[in-house]
Amino acid sequence: MLNRNRFQQDPDARPPANVRFTELRVEPWPDGKRVRVHVSLTPFQQSPNLDAVISDAAGNEVAHSSIIEIADVRFVFTMHIRSQTASAQYSLVARLGYEDIGAVEERSITFEAEESGDDPSAQ
């Protein structure tokens, strides 16, 4: 894996209006209450912000995360689903943007998260 100096400007870095997702993937945990969100972005000249919202099948927001001034083009974070209903169908909407120009890209993913009872952390 190429180890770049984080403080050295990538020659392929894009201006804010042209920053895009190159990957957005959801990996549900076995407990049905958490998901890993995998994100890859194009190289950027200025650090973007990310808002991620998970909604259940009825459209109710069940998780929300905001990441301000992203430092890396690839990262993973965990979101906790706080839902009173036993919904298995969810959607993630991720919005990439900047405070001064707003959203530059939005992506949506539908996924299923059901409790399997195999969560080793529950023991």
PDB file of N, CA and C in Angstrom:
ATOM      1  N   MET A   1       0.843  -1.184   0.000  1.00  0.00           N
ATOM      2  CA  MET A   1       0.000   0.000   0.000  1.00  0.00           C
ATOM      3  C   MET A   1       0.882   1.239   0.000  1.00  0.00           C
ATOM      4  N   LEU A   2       0.532   2.191  -0.827  1.00  0.00           N
ATOM      5  CA  LEU A   2       1.292   3.410  -0.963  1.00  0.00           C
ATOM      6  C   LEU A   2       1.085   4.291   0.264  1.00  0.00           C
ATOM      7  N   ASN A   3       2.160   4.705   0.872  1.00  0.00           N
ATOM      8  CA  ASN A   3       2.079   5.547   2.058  1.00  0.00           C
ATOM      9  C   ASN A   3       2.436   6.975   1.661  1.00  0.00           C
ATOM     10  N   ARG A   4       1.441   7.806   1.474  1.00  0.00           N
ATOM     11  CA  ARG A   4       1.674   9.197   1.073  1.00  0.00           C
ATOM     12  C   ARG A   4       1.780  10.086   2.294  1.00  0.00           C
ATOM     13  N   ASN A   5       2.594  11.100   2.162  1.00  0.00           N
ATOM     14  CA  ASN A   5       2.689  12.106   3.213  1.00  0.00           C
ATOM     15  C   ASN A   5       1.385  12.900   3.207  1.00  0.00           C
ATOM     16  N   ARG A   6       0.640  12.842   4.282  1.00  0.00           N
ATOM     17  CA  ARG A   6      -0.664  13.482   4.365  1.00  0.00           C
ATOM     18  C   ARG A   6      -0.594  14.986   4.119  1.00  0.00           C
ATOM     19  N   PHE A   7       0.536  15.599   4.401  1.00  0.00           N
ATOM     20  CA  PHE A   7       0.652  17.044   4.264  1.00  0.00           C
ATOM     21  C   PHE A   7       1.170  17.466   2.894  1.00  0.00           C
ATOM     22  N   GLN A   8       1.481  16.511   2.037  1.00  0.00           N
ATOM     23  CA  GLN A   8       1.929  16.798   0.688  1.00  0.00           C
ATOM     24  C   GLN A   8       0.717  16.735  -0.236  1.00  0.00           C
ATOM     25  N   GLN A   9       0.516  17.753  -1.058  1.00  0.00           N
ATOM     26  CA  GLN A   9      -0.654  17.823  -1.928  1.00  0.00           C
ATOM     27  C   GLN A   9      -0.596  16.741  -3.005  1.00  0.00           C
ATOM     28  N   ASP A  10      -1.648  15.975  -3.148  1.00  0.00           N
ATOM     29  CA  ASP A  10      -1.771  14.961  -4.189  1.00  0.00           C
ATOM     30  C   ASP A  10      -1.937  15.693  -5.528  1.00  0.00           C
ATOM     31  N   PRO A  11      -1.167  15.338  -6.549  1.00  0.00           N
ATOM     32  CA  PRO A  11      -1.286  16.029  -7.835  1.00  0.00           C
ATOM     33  C   PRO A  11      -2.650  15.821  -8.500  1.00  0.00           C
ATOM     34  N   ASP A  12      -3.394  14.774  -8.084  1.00  0.00           N
ATOM     35  CA  ASP A  12      -4.724  14.514  -8.640  1.00  0.00           C
ATOM     36  C   ASP A  12      -5.848  15.110  -7.794  1.00  0.00           C
ATOM     37  N   ALA A  13      -5.481  15.870  -6.767  1.00  0.00           N
ATOM     38  CA  ALA A  13      -6.482  16.438  -5.868  1.00  0.00           C
ATOM     39  C   ALA A  13      -7.430  17.360  -6.627  1.00  0.00           C
ATOM     40  N   ARG A  14      -8.718  17.216  -6.312  1.00  0.00           N
ATOM     41  CA  ARG A  14      -9.762  17.982  -6.993  1.00  0.00           C
ATOM     42  C   ARG A  14     -10.206  19.175  -6.154  1.00  0.00           C
ATOM     43  N   PRO A  15     -10.662  20.230  -6.825  1.00  0.00           N
ATOM     44  CA  PRO A  15     -11.248  21.358  -6.095  1.00  0.00           C
ATOM     45  C   PRO A  15     -12.581  20.915  -5.479  1.00  0.00           C
ATOM     46  N   PRO A  16     -13.074  21.636  -4.494  1.00  0.00           N
ATOM     47  CA  PRO A  16     -14.289  21.219  -3.768  1.00  0.00           C
ATOM     48  C   PRO A  16     -15.470  20.816  -4.642  1.00  0.00           C
ATOM     49  N   ALA A  17     -15.789  21.551  -5.664  1.00  0.00           N
ATOM     50  CA  ALA A  17     -16.971  21.252  -6.485  1.00  0.00           C
ATOM     51  C   ALA A  17     -16.857  19.927  -7.239  1.00  0.00           C
ATOM     52  N   ASN A  18     -15.644  19.386  -7.359  1.00  0.00           N
ATOM     53  CA  ASN A  18     -15.439  18.163  -8.135  1.00  0.00           C
ATOM     54  C   ASN A  18     -15.108  16.939  -7.285  1.00  0.00           C
ATOM     55  N   VAL A  19     -15.193  17.042  -5.965  1.00  0.00           N
ATOM     56  CA  VAL A  19     -14.927  15.900  -5.085  1.00  0.00           C
ATOM     57  C   VAL A  19     -16.120  14.952  -5.148  1.00  0.00           C
ATOM     58  N   ARG A  20     -15.829  13.644  -5.264  1.00  0.00           N
ATOM     59  CA  ARG A  20     -16.886  12.643  -5.415  1.00  0.00           C
ATOM     60  C   ARG A  20     -16.586  11.398  -4.589  1.00  0.00           C
ATOM     61  N   PHE A  21     -17.627  10.612  -4.340  1.00  0.00           N
ATOM     62  CA  PHE A  21     -17.471   9.281  -3.771  1.00  0.00           C
ATOM     63  C   PHE A  21     -16.890   8.377  -4.855  1.00  0.00           C
ATOM     64  N   THR A  22     -15.961   7.514  -4.492  1.00  0.00           N
ATOM     65  CA  THR A  22     -15.544   6.444  -5.402  1.00  0.00           C
ATOM     66  C   THR A  22     -16.074   5.115  -4.879  1.00  0.00           C
ATOM     67  N   GLU A  23     -16.405   5.068  -3.585  1.00  0.00           N
ATOM     68  CA  GLU A  23     -17.039   3.884  -2.992  1.00  0.00           C
ATOM     69  C   GLU A  23     -17.869   4.319  -1.800  1.00  0.00           C
ATOM     70  N   LEU A  24     -19.034   3.717  -1.667  1.00  0.00           N
ATOM     71  CA  LEU A  24     -19.866   3.870  -0.476  1.00  0.00           C
ATOM     72  C   LEU A  24     -20.519   2.514  -0.278  1.00  0.00           C
ATOM     73  N   ARG A  25     -20.215   1.891   0.853  1.00  0.00           N
ATOM     74  CA  ARG A  25     -20.683   0.521   1.099  1.00  0.00           C
ATOM     75  C   ARG A  25     -21.087   0.384   2.559  1.00  0.00           C
ATOM     76  N   VAL A  26     -22.152  -0.372   2.805  1.00  0.00           N
ATOM     77  CA  VAL A  26     -22.644  -0.619   4.156  1.00  0.00           C
ATOM     78  C   VAL A  26     -22.444  -2.094   4.482  1.00  0.00           C
ATOM     79  N   GLU A  27     -21.917  -2.351   5.681  1.00  0.00           N
ATOM     80  CA  GLU A  27     -21.697  -3.721   6.159  1.00  0.00           C
ATOM     81  C   GLU A  27     -22.392  -3.872   7.514  1.00  0.00           C
ATOM     82  N   PRO A  28     -23.596  -4.464   7.539  1.00  0.00           N
ATOM     83  CA  PRO A  28     -24.303  -4.628   8.823  1.00  0.00           C
ATOM     84  C   PRO A  28     -23.558  -5.571   9.767  1.00  0.00           C
ATOM     85  N   TRP A  29     -23.575  -5.242  11.057  1.00  0.00           N
ATOM     86  CA  TRP A  29     -23.026  -6.125  12.084  1.00  0.00           C
ATOM     87  C   TRP A  29     -24.049  -7.228  12.342  1.00  0.00           C
ATOM     88  N   PRO A  30     -23.615  -8.359  12.886  1.00  0.00           N
ATOM     89  CA  PRO A  30     -24.546  -9.471  13.166  1.00  0.00           C
ATOM     90  C   PRO A  30     -25.650  -9.123  14.175  1.00  0.00           C
ATOM     91  N   ASP A  31     -25.437  -8.121  15.024  1.00  0.00           N
ATOM     92  CA  ASP A  31     -26.443  -7.787  16.036  1.00  0.00           C
ATOM     93  C   ASP A  31     -27.645  -7.037  15.467  1.00  0.00           C
ATOM     94  N   GLY A  32     -27.574  -6.600  14.207  1.00  0.00           N
ATOM     95  CA  GLY A  32     -28.682  -5.891  13.589  1.00  0.00           C
ATOM     96  C   GLY A  32     -28.859  -4.466  14.073  1.00  0.00           C
ATOM     97  N   LYS A  33     -27.988  -3.987  14.951  1.00  0.00           N
ATOM     98  CA  LYS A  33     -28.109  -2.643  15.536  1.00  0.00           C
ATOM     99  C   LYS A  33     -26.969  -1.700  15.161  1.00  0.00           C
ATOM    100  N   ARG A  34     -25.976  -2.236  14.469  1.00  0.00           N
ATOM    101  CA  ARG A  34     -24.840  -1.399  14.059  1.00  0.00           C
ATOM    102  C   ARG A  34     -24.481  -1.732  12.619  1.00  0.00           C
ATOM    103  N   VAL A  35     -23.934  -0.730  11.938  1.00  0.00           N
ATOM    104  CA  VAL A  35     -23.429  -0.950  10.579  1.00  0.00           C
ATOM    105  C   VAL A  35     -22.091  -0.240  10.427  1.00  0.00           C
ATOM    106  N   ARG A  36     -21.210  -0.865   9.666  1.00  0.00           N
ATOM    107  CA  ARG A  36     -19.954  -0.222   9.274  1.00  0.00           C
ATOM    108  C   ARG A  36     -20.214   0.456   7.937  1.00  0.00           C
ATOM    109  N   VAL A  37     -19.775   1.693   7.825  1.00  0.00           N
ATOM    110  CA  VAL A  37     -19.908   2.432   6.570  1.00  0.00           C
ATOM    111  C   VAL A  37     -18.507   2.620   6.008  1.00  0.00           C
ATOM    112  N   HIS A  38     -18.290   2.074   4.807  1.00  0.00           N
ATOM    113  CA  HIS A  38     -16.995   2.164   4.130  1.00  0.00           C
ATOM    114  C   HIS A  38     -17.091   3.279   3.091  1.00  0.00           C
ATOM    115  N   VAL A  39     -16.150   4.224   3.144  1.00  0.00           N
ATOM    116  CA  VAL A  39     -16.178   5.374   2.244  1.00  0.00           C
ATOM    117  C   VAL A  39     -14.816   5.539   1.576  1.00  0.00           C
ATOM    118  N   SER A  40     -14.836   5.774   0.278  1.00  0.00           N
ATOM    119  CA  SER A  40     -13.645   6.183  -0.466  1.00  0.00           C
ATOM    120  C   SER A  40     -14.031   7.401  -1.285  1.00  0.00           C
ATOM    121  N   LEU A  41     -13.115   8.358  -1.351  1.00  0.00           N
ATOM    122  CA  LEU A  41     -13.352   9.609  -2.065  1.00  0.00           C
ATOM    123  C   LEU A  41     -12.244   9.859  -3.077  1.00  0.00           C
ATOM    124  N   THR A  42     -12.534  10.728  -4.022  1.00  0.00           N
ATOM    125  CA  THR A  42     -11.478  11.204  -4.908  1.00  0.00           C
ATOM    126  C   THR A  42     -10.519  12.049  -4.067  1.00  0.00           C
ATOM    127  N   PRO A  43      -9.264  12.175  -4.477  1.00  0.00           N
ATOM    128  CA  PRO A  43      -8.345  13.067  -3.742  1.00  0.00           C
ATOM    129  C   PRO A  43      -8.918  14.493  -3.747  1.00  0.00           C
ATOM    130  N   PHE A  44      -8.703  15.222  -2.659  1.00  0.00           N
ATOM    131  CA  PHE A  44      -9.303  16.555  -2.540  1.00  0.00           C
ATOM    132  C   PHE A  44      -8.272  17.600  -2.130  1.00  0.00           C
ATOM    133  N   GLN A  45      -8.520  18.856  -2.588  1.00  0.00           N
ATOM    134  CA  GLN A  45      -7.668  19.990  -2.234  1.00  0.00           C
ATOM    135  C   GLN A  45      -8.046  20.553  -0.869  1.00  0.00           C
ATOM    136  N   GLN A  46      -9.325  20.493  -0.548  1.00  0.00           N
ATOM    137  CA  GLN A  46      -9.834  20.958   0.743  1.00  0.00           C
ATOM    138  C   GLN A  46     -10.646  19.836   1.366  1.00  0.00           C
ATOM    139  N   SER A  47     -10.543  19.680   2.667  1.00  0.00           N
ATOM    140  CA  SER A  47     -11.239  18.600   3.377  1.00  0.00           C
ATOM    141  C   SER A  47     -12.754  18.803   3.343  1.00  0.00           C
ATOM    142  N   PRO A  48     -13.477  17.812   2.815  1.00  0.00           N
ATOM    143  CA  PRO A  48     -14.936  17.920   2.772  1.00  0.00           C
ATOM    144  C   PRO A  48     -15.579  17.470   4.081  1.00  0.00           C
ATOM    145  N   ASN A  49     -16.880  17.701   4.191  1.00  0.00           N
ATOM    146  CA  ASN A  49     -17.693  17.220   5.306  1.00  0.00           C
ATOM    147  C   ASN A  49     -18.601  16.109   4.782  1.00  0.00           C
ATOM    148  N   LEU A  50     -19.008  15.215   5.681  1.00  0.00           N
ATOM    149  CA  LEU A  50     -19.898  14.124   5.308  1.00  0.00           C
ATOM    150  C   LEU A  50     -21.037  14.058   6.314  1.00  0.00           C
ATOM    151  N   ASP A  51     -22.264  14.002   5.803  1.00  0.00           N
ATOM    152  CA  ASP A  51     -23.444  13.727   6.624  1.00  0.00           C
ATOM    153  C   ASP A  51     -23.999  12.398   6.165  1.00  0.00           C
ATOM    154  N   ALA A  52     -24.267  11.501   7.106  1.00  0.00           N
ATOM    155  CA  ALA A  52     -24.826  10.191   6.801  1.00  0.00           C
ATOM    156  C   ALA A  52     -26.067   9.983   7.657  1.00  0.00           C
ATOM    157  N   VAL A  53     -27.165   9.611   7.005  1.00  0.00           N
ATOM    158  CA  VAL A  53     -28.443   9.396   7.696  1.00  0.00           C
ATOM    159  C   VAL A  53     -28.973   8.026   7.308  1.00  0.00           C
ATOM    160  N   ILE A  54     -29.346   7.241   8.317  1.00  0.00           N
ATOM    161  CA  ILE A  54     -30.003   5.955   8.076  1.00  0.00           C
ATOM    162  C   ILE A  54     -31.468   6.118   8.447  1.00  0.00           C
ATOM    163  N   SER A  55     -32.341   5.660   7.540  1.00  0.00           N
ATOM    164  CA  SER A  55     -33.785   5.691   7.776  1.00  0.00           C
ATOM    165  C   SER A  55     -34.342   4.282   7.668  1.00  0.00           C
ATOM    166  N   ASP A  56     -35.409   4.013   8.435  1.00  0.00           N
ATOM    167  CA  ASP A  56     -36.051   2.703   8.345  1.00  0.00           C
ATOM    168  C   ASP A  56     -37.000   2.681   7.142  1.00  0.00           C
ATOM    169  N   ALA A  57     -37.683   1.562   6.939  1.00  0.00           N
ATOM    170  CA  ALA A  57     -38.563   1.392   5.779  1.00  0.00           C
ATOM    171  C   ALA A  57     -39.707   2.406   5.768  1.00  0.00           C
ATOM    172  N   ALA A  58     -40.100   2.911   6.945  1.00  0.00           N
ATOM    173  CA  ALA A  58     -41.176   3.902   7.033  1.00  0.00           C
ATOM    174  C   ALA A  58     -40.669   5.327   6.819  1.00  0.00           C
ATOM    175  N   GLY A  59     -39.351   5.488   6.652  1.00  0.00           N
ATOM    176  CA  GLY A  59     -38.782   6.820   6.442  1.00  0.00           C
ATOM    177  C   GLY A  59     -38.361   7.532   7.705  1.00  0.00           C
ATOM    178  N   ASN A  60     -38.425   6.849   8.858  1.00  0.00           N
ATOM    179  CA  ASN A  60     -38.011   7.459  10.118  1.00  0.00           C
ATOM    180  C   ASN A  60     -36.493   7.414  10.269  1.00  0.00           C
ATOM    181  N   GLU A  61     -35.902   8.533  10.642  1.00  0.00           N
ATOM    182  CA  GLU A  61     -34.463   8.569  10.869  1.00  0.00           C
ATOM    183  C   GLU A  61     -34.116   7.740  12.099  1.00  0.00           C
ATOM    184  N   VAL A  62     -33.175   6.788  11.941  1.00  0.00           N
ATOM    185  CA  VAL A  62     -32.781   5.923  13.051  1.00  0.00           C
ATOM    186  C   VAL A  62     -31.297   6.065  13.398  1.00  0.00           C
ATOM    187  N   ALA A  63     -30.545   6.823  12.599  1.00  0.00           N
ATOM    188  CA  ALA A  63     -29.132   7.086  12.892  1.00  0.00           C
ATOM    189  C   ALA A  63     -28.680   8.272  12.058  1.00  0.00           C
ATOM    190  N   HIS A  64     -27.771   9.066  12.632  1.00  0.00           N
ATOM    191  CA  HIS A  64     -27.240  10.232  11.930  1.00  0.00           C
ATOM    192  C   HIS A  64     -25.809  10.445  12.397  1.00  0.00           C
ATOM    193  N   SER A  65     -24.903  10.615  11.455  1.00  0.00           N
ATOM    194  CA  SER A  65     -23.508  10.925  11.776  1.00  0.00           C
ATOM    195  C   SER A  65     -23.035  12.071  10.895  1.00  0.00           C
ATOM    196  N   SER A  66     -22.231  12.938  11.471  1.00  0.00           N
ATOM    197  CA  SER A  66     -21.602  14.024  10.719  1.00  0.00           C
ATOM    198  C   SER A  66     -20.105  13.959  10.964  1.00  0.00           C
ATOM    199  N   ILE A  67     -19.359  14.025   9.894  1.00  0.00           N
ATOM    200  CA  ILE A  67     -17.900  14.051   9.987  1.00  0.00           C
ATOM    201  C   ILE A  67     -17.446  15.357   9.359  1.00  0.00           C
ATOM    202  N   ILE A  68     -16.763  16.155  10.143  1.00  0.00           N
ATOM    203  CA  ILE A  68     -16.330  17.481   9.702  1.00  0.00           C
ATOM    204  C   ILE A  68     -14.867  17.435   9.292  1.00  0.00           C
ATOM    205  N   GLU A  69     -14.580  18.007   8.129  1.00  0.00           N
ATOM    206  CA  GLU A  69     -13.225  18.099   7.583  1.00  0.00           C
ATOM    207  C   GLU A  69     -12.515  16.744   7.563  1.00  0.00           C
ATOM    208  N   ILE A  70     -12.993  15.888   6.701  1.00  0.00           N
ATOM    209  CA  ILE A  70     -12.437  14.547   6.518  1.00  0.00           C
ATOM    210  C   ILE A  70     -10.946  14.659   6.194  1.00  0.00           C
ATOM    211  N   ALA A  71     -10.134  13.811   6.837  1.00  0.00           N
ATOM    212  CA  ALA A  71      -8.683  13.893   6.670  1.00  0.00           C
ATOM    213  C   ALA A  71      -8.137  12.917   5.627  1.00  0.00           C
ATOM    214  N   ASP A  72      -8.813  11.803   5.396  1.00  0.00           N
ATOM    215  CA  ASP A  72      -8.304  10.766   4.494  1.00  0.00           C
ATOM    216  C   ASP A  72      -9.302  10.468   3.379  1.00  0.00           C
ATOM    217  N   VAL A  73      -8.791   9.953   2.257  1.00  0.00           N
ATOM    218  CA  VAL A  73      -9.686   9.615   1.144  1.00  0.00           C
ATOM    219  C   VAL A  73     -10.378   8.278   1.344  1.00  0.00           C
ATOM    220  N   ARG A  74      -9.908   7.460   2.287  1.00  0.00           N
ATOM    221  CA  ARG A  74     -10.551   6.186   2.617  1.00  0.00           C
ATOM    222  C   ARG A  74     -10.715   6.081   4.126  1.00  0.00           C
ATOM    223  N   PHE A  75     -11.920   5.724   4.570  1.00  0.00           N
ATOM    224  CA  PHE A  75     -12.144   5.563   6.003  1.00  0.00           C
ATOM    225  C   PHE A  75     -13.392   4.714   6.231  1.00  0.00           C
ATOM    226  N   VAL A  76     -13.512   4.214   7.456  1.00  0.00           N
ATOM    227  CA  VAL A  76     -14.650   3.385   7.868  1.00  0.00           C
ATOM    228  C   VAL A  76     -15.131   3.917   9.206  1.00  0.00           C
ATOM    229  N   PHE A  77     -16.445   3.988   9.375  1.00  0.00           N
ATOM    230  CA  PHE A  77     -16.999   4.382  10.671  1.00  0.00           C
ATOM    231  C   PHE A  77     -18.225   3.535  10.964  1.00  0.00           C
ATOM    232  N   THR A  78     -18.599   3.470  12.235  1.00  0.00           N
ATOM    233  CA  THR A  78     -19.741   2.661  12.674  1.00  0.00           C
ATOM    234  C   THR A  78     -20.905   3.563  13.046  1.00  0.00           C
ATOM    235  N   MET A  79     -22.090   3.185  12.589  1.00  0.00           N
ATOM    236  CA  MET A  79     -23.317   3.891  12.963  1.00  0.00           C
ATOM    237  C   MET A  79     -24.174   2.934  13.783  1.00  0.00           C
ATOM    238  N   HIS A  80     -24.829   3.455  14.815  1.00  0.00           N
ATOM    239  CA  HIS A  80     -25.689   2.668  15.700  1.00  0.00           C
ATOM    240  C   HIS A  80     -27.147   2.960  15.361  1.00  0.00           C
ATOM    241  N   ILE A  81     -27.892   1.929  15.037  1.00  0.00           N
ATOM    242  CA  ILE A  81     -29.302   2.075  14.678  1.00  0.00           C
ATOM    243  C   ILE A  81     -30.130   2.116  15.957  1.00  0.00           C
ATOM    244  N   ARG A  82     -30.789   3.229  16.172  1.00  0.00           N
ATOM    245  CA  ARG A  82     -31.643   3.376  17.347  1.00  0.00           C
ATOM    246  C   ARG A  82     -33.094   3.343  16.879  1.00  0.00           C
ATOM    247  N   SER A  83     -33.659   2.173  16.935  1.00  0.00           N
ATOM    248  CA  SER A  83     -35.011   1.992  16.431  1.00  0.00           C
ATOM    249  C   SER A  83     -35.820   1.159  17.420  1.00  0.00           C
ATOM    250  N   GLN A  84     -37.053   1.560  17.625  1.00  0.00           N
ATOM    251  CA  GLN A  84     -37.950   0.820  18.504  1.00  0.00           C
ATOM    252  C   GLN A  84     -38.675  -0.295  17.748  1.00  0.00           C
ATOM    253  N   THR A  85     -38.698  -0.181  16.416  1.00  0.00           N
ATOM    254  CA  THR A  85     -39.374  -1.187  15.610  1.00  0.00           C
ATOM    255  C   THR A  85     -38.359  -2.187  15.069  1.00  0.00           C
ATOM    256  N   ALA A  86     -38.817  -3.362  14.768  1.00  0.00           N
ATOM    257  CA  ALA A  86     -37.940  -4.415  14.258  1.00  0.00           C
ATOM    258  C   ALA A  86     -37.919  -4.378  12.732  1.00  0.00           C
ATOM    259  N   SER A  87     -37.427  -3.292  12.172  1.00  0.00           N
ATOM    260  CA  SER A  87     -37.328  -3.169  10.723  1.00  0.00           C
ATOM    261  C   SER A  87     -36.054  -3.844  10.250  1.00  0.00           C
ATOM    262  N   ALA A  88     -36.124  -4.518   9.145  1.00  0.00           N
ATOM    263  CA  ALA A  88     -34.932  -5.146   8.587  1.00  0.00           C
ATOM    264  C   ALA A  88     -34.437  -4.362   7.379  1.00  0.00           C
ATOM    265  N   GLN A  89     -35.283  -3.533   6.791  1.00  0.00           N
ATOM    266  CA  GLN A  89     -34.951  -2.769   5.586  1.00  0.00           C
ATOM    267  C   GLN A  89     -34.611  -1.325   5.981  1.00  0.00           C
ATOM    268  N   TYR A  90     -33.446  -0.874   5.564  1.00  0.00           N
ATOM    269  CA  TYR A  90     -32.982   0.478   5.872  1.00  0.00           C
ATOM    270  C   TYR A  90     -32.402   1.122   4.625  1.00  0.00           C
ATOM    271  N   SER A  91     -32.258   2.432   4.680  1.00  0.00           N
ATOM    272  CA  SER A  91     -31.548   3.135   3.616  1.00  0.00           C
ATOM    273  C   SER A  91     -30.565   4.117   4.244  1.00  0.00           C
ATOM    274  N   LEU A  92     -29.407   4.215   3.633  1.00  0.00           N
ATOM    275  CA  LEU A  92     -28.370   5.166   4.041  1.00  0.00           C
ATOM    276  C   LEU A  92     -28.288   6.230   2.962  1.00  0.00           C
ATOM    277  N   VAL A  93     -28.365   7.487   3.366  1.00  0.00           N
ATOM    278  CA  VAL A  93     -28.126   8.602   2.454  1.00  0.00           C
ATOM    279  C   VAL A  93     -26.881   9.307   2.967  1.00  0.00           C
ATOM    280  N   ALA A  94     -25.868   9.383   2.102  1.00  0.00           N
ATOM    281  CA  ALA A  94     -24.611  10.046   2.459  1.00  0.00           C
ATOM    282  C   ALA A  94     -24.457  11.280   1.576  1.00  0.00           C
ATOM    283  N   ARG A  95     -24.172  12.398   2.216  1.00  0.00           N
ATOM    284  CA  ARG A  95     -24.058  13.679   1.514  1.00  0.00           C
ATOM    285  C   ARG A  95     -22.661  14.241   1.763  1.00  0.00           C
ATOM    286  N   LEU A  96     -21.960  14.507   0.694  1.00  0.00           N
ATOM    287  CA  LEU A  96     -20.601  15.039   0.738  1.00  0.00           C
ATOM    288  C   LEU A  96     -20.669  16.516   0.383  1.00  0.00           C
ATOM    289  N   GLY A  97     -20.014  17.384   1.160  1.00  0.00           N
ATOM    290  CA  GLY A  97     -20.105  18.805   0.846  1.00  0.00           C
ATOM    291  C   GLY A  97     -19.153  19.677   1.630  1.00  0.00           C
ATOM    292  N   TYR A  98     -19.363  20.965   1.441  1.00  0.00           N
ATOM    293  CA  TYR A  98     -18.546  21.998   2.069  1.00  0.00           C
ATOM    294  C   TYR A  98     -19.470  23.067   2.631  1.00  0.00           C
ATOM    295  N   GLU A  99     -19.043  23.675   3.721  1.00  0.00           N
ATOM    296  CA  GLU A  99     -19.878  24.678   4.368  1.00  0.00           C
ATOM    297  C   GLU A  99     -20.208  25.839   3.435  1.00  0.00           C
ATOM    298  N   ASP A 100     -19.234  26.271   2.646  1.00  0.00           N
ATOM    299  CA  ASP A 100     -19.444  27.462   1.805  1.00  0.00           C
ATOM    300  C   ASP A 100     -20.184  27.197   0.498  1.00  0.00           C
ATOM    301  N   ILE A 101     -20.159  25.960  -0.033  1.00  0.00           N
ATOM    302  CA  ILE A 101     -20.839  25.700  -1.314  1.00  0.00           C
ATOM    303  C   ILE A 101     -21.957  24.654  -1.210  1.00  0.00           C
ATOM    304  N   GLY A 102     -22.101  24.041  -0.057  1.00  0.00           N
ATOM    305  CA  GLY A 102     -23.151  23.049   0.131  1.00  0.00           C
ATOM    306  C   GLY A 102     -22.763  21.673  -0.391  1.00  0.00           C
ATOM    307  N   ALA A 103     -23.766  20.846  -0.678  1.00  0.00           N
ATOM    308  CA  ALA A 103     -23.537  19.461  -1.104  1.00  0.00           C
ATOM    309  C   ALA A 103     -22.948  19.417  -2.509  1.00  0.00           C
ATOM    310  N   VAL A 104     -21.957  18.534  -2.692  1.00  0.00           N
ATOM    311  CA  VAL A 104     -21.369  18.325  -4.017  1.00  0.00           C
ATOM    312  C   VAL A 104     -21.736  16.952  -4.572  1.00  0.00           C
ATOM    313  N   GLU A 105     -22.129  16.022  -3.706  1.00  0.00           N
ATOM    314  CA  GLU A 105     -22.622  14.725  -4.162  1.00  0.00           C
ATOM    315  C   GLU A 105     -23.440  14.077  -3.054  1.00  0.00           C
ATOM    316  N   GLU A 106     -24.441  13.301  -3.479  1.00  0.00           N
ATOM    317  CA  GLU A 106     -25.268  12.540  -2.552  1.00  0.00           C
ATOM    318  C   GLU A 106     -25.450  11.147  -3.122  1.00  0.00           C
ATOM    319  N   ARG A 107     -25.315  10.154  -2.254  1.00  0.00           N
ATOM    320  CA  ARG A 107     -25.541   8.758  -2.659  1.00  0.00           C
ATOM    321  C   ARG A 107     -26.472   8.101  -1.662  1.00  0.00           C
ATOM    322  N   SER A 108     -27.227   7.124  -2.162  1.00  0.00           N
ATOM    323  CA  SER A 108     -28.176   6.394  -1.321  1.00  0.00           C
ATOM    324  C   SER A 108     -27.978   4.901  -1.532  1.00  0.00           C
ATOM    325  N   ILE A 109     -28.055   4.150  -0.437  1.00  0.00           N
ATOM    326  CA  ILE A 109     -27.919   2.695  -0.469  1.00  0.00           C
ATOM    327  C   ILE A 109     -29.040   2.098   0.368  1.00  0.00           C
ATOM    328  N   THR A 110     -29.690   1.070  -0.157  1.00  0.00           N
ATOM    329  CA  THR A 110     -30.679   0.318   0.609  1.00  0.00           C
ATOM    330  C   THR A 110     -30.009  -0.966   1.084  1.00  0.00           C
ATOM    331  N   PHE A 111     -30.264  -1.337   2.347  1.00  0.00           N
ATOM    332  CA  PHE A 111     -29.641  -2.544   2.898  1.00  0.00           C
ATOM    333  C   PHE A 111     -30.559  -3.176   3.929  1.00  0.00           C
ATOM    334  N   GLU A 112     -30.243  -4.409   4.284  1.00  0.00           N
ATOM    335  CA  GLU A 112     -30.984  -5.126   5.316  1.00  0.00           C
ATOM    336  C   GLU A 112     -30.076  -5.369   6.504  1.00  0.00           C
ATOM    337  N   ALA A 113     -30.638  -5.240   7.691  1.00  0.00           N
ATOM    338  CA  ALA A 113     -29.898  -5.491   8.929  1.00  0.00           C
ATOM    339  C   ALA A 113     -30.829  -6.230   9.883  1.00  0.00           C
ATOM    340  N   GLU A 114     -30.591  -7.508  10.041  1.00  0.00           N
ATOM    341  CA  GLU A 114     -31.407  -8.320  10.934  1.00  0.00           C
ATOM    342  C   GLU A 114     -30.527  -8.943  11.997  1.00  0.00           C
ATOM    343  N   GLU A 115     -31.034  -8.990  13.202  1.00  0.00           N
ATOM    344  CA  GLU A 115     -30.300  -9.610  14.296  1.00  0.00           C
ATOM    345  C   GLU A 115     -30.195 -11.110  14.042  1.00  0.00           C
ATOM    346  N   SER A 116     -28.956 -11.627  14.064  1.00  0.00           N
ATOM    347  CA  SER A 116     -28.754 -13.050  13.810  1.00  0.00           C
ATOM    348  C   SER A 116     -28.563 -13.839  15.096  1.00  0.00           C
ATOM    349  N   GLY A 117     -28.294 -13.153  16.189  1.00  0.00           N
ATOM    350  CA  GLY A 117     -28.047 -13.839  17.444  1.00  0.00           C
ATOM    351  C   GLY A 117     -26.628 -14.372  17.565  1.00  0.00           C
ATOM    352  N   ASP A 118     -25.794 -14.065  16.575  1.00  0.00           N
ATOM    353  CA  ASP A 118     -24.419 -14.564  16.561  1.00  0.00           C
ATOM    354  C   ASP A 118     -23.413 -13.533  17.045  1.00  0.00           C
ATOM    355  N   ASP A 119     -23.849 -12.464  17.656  1.00  0.00           N
ATOM    356  CA  ASP A 119     -22.943 -11.398  18.065  1.00  0.00           C
ATOM    357  C   ASP A 119     -22.114 -11.822  19.274  1.00  0.00           C
ATOM    358  N   PRO A 120     -20.802 -12.000  19.085  1.00  0.00           N
ATOM    359  CA  PRO A 120     -19.966 -12.449  20.199  1.00  0.00           C
ATOM    360  C   PRO A 120     -19.846 -11.421  21.320  1.00  0.00           C
ATOM    361  N   SER A 121     -20.087 -10.131  21.023  1.00  0.00           N
ATOM    362  CA  SER A 121     -19.971  -9.116  22.073  1.00  0.00           C
ATOM    363  C   SER A 121     -21.169  -9.143  23.028  1.00  0.00           C
ATOM    364  N   ALA A 122     -22.227  -9.866  22.660  1.00  0.00           N
ATOM    365  CA  ALA A 122     -23.416  -9.941  23.506  1.00  0.00           C
ATOM    366  C   ALA A 122     -23.263 -10.946  24.639  1.00  0.00           C
ATOM    367  N   GLN A 123     -22.184 -11.704  24.658  1.00  0.00           N
ATOM    368  CA  GLN A 123     -22.005 -12.732  25.687  1.00  0.00           C
ATOM    369  C   GLN A 123     -21.309 -12.182  26.893  1.00  0.00           C
TER     370      GLN A 123
END
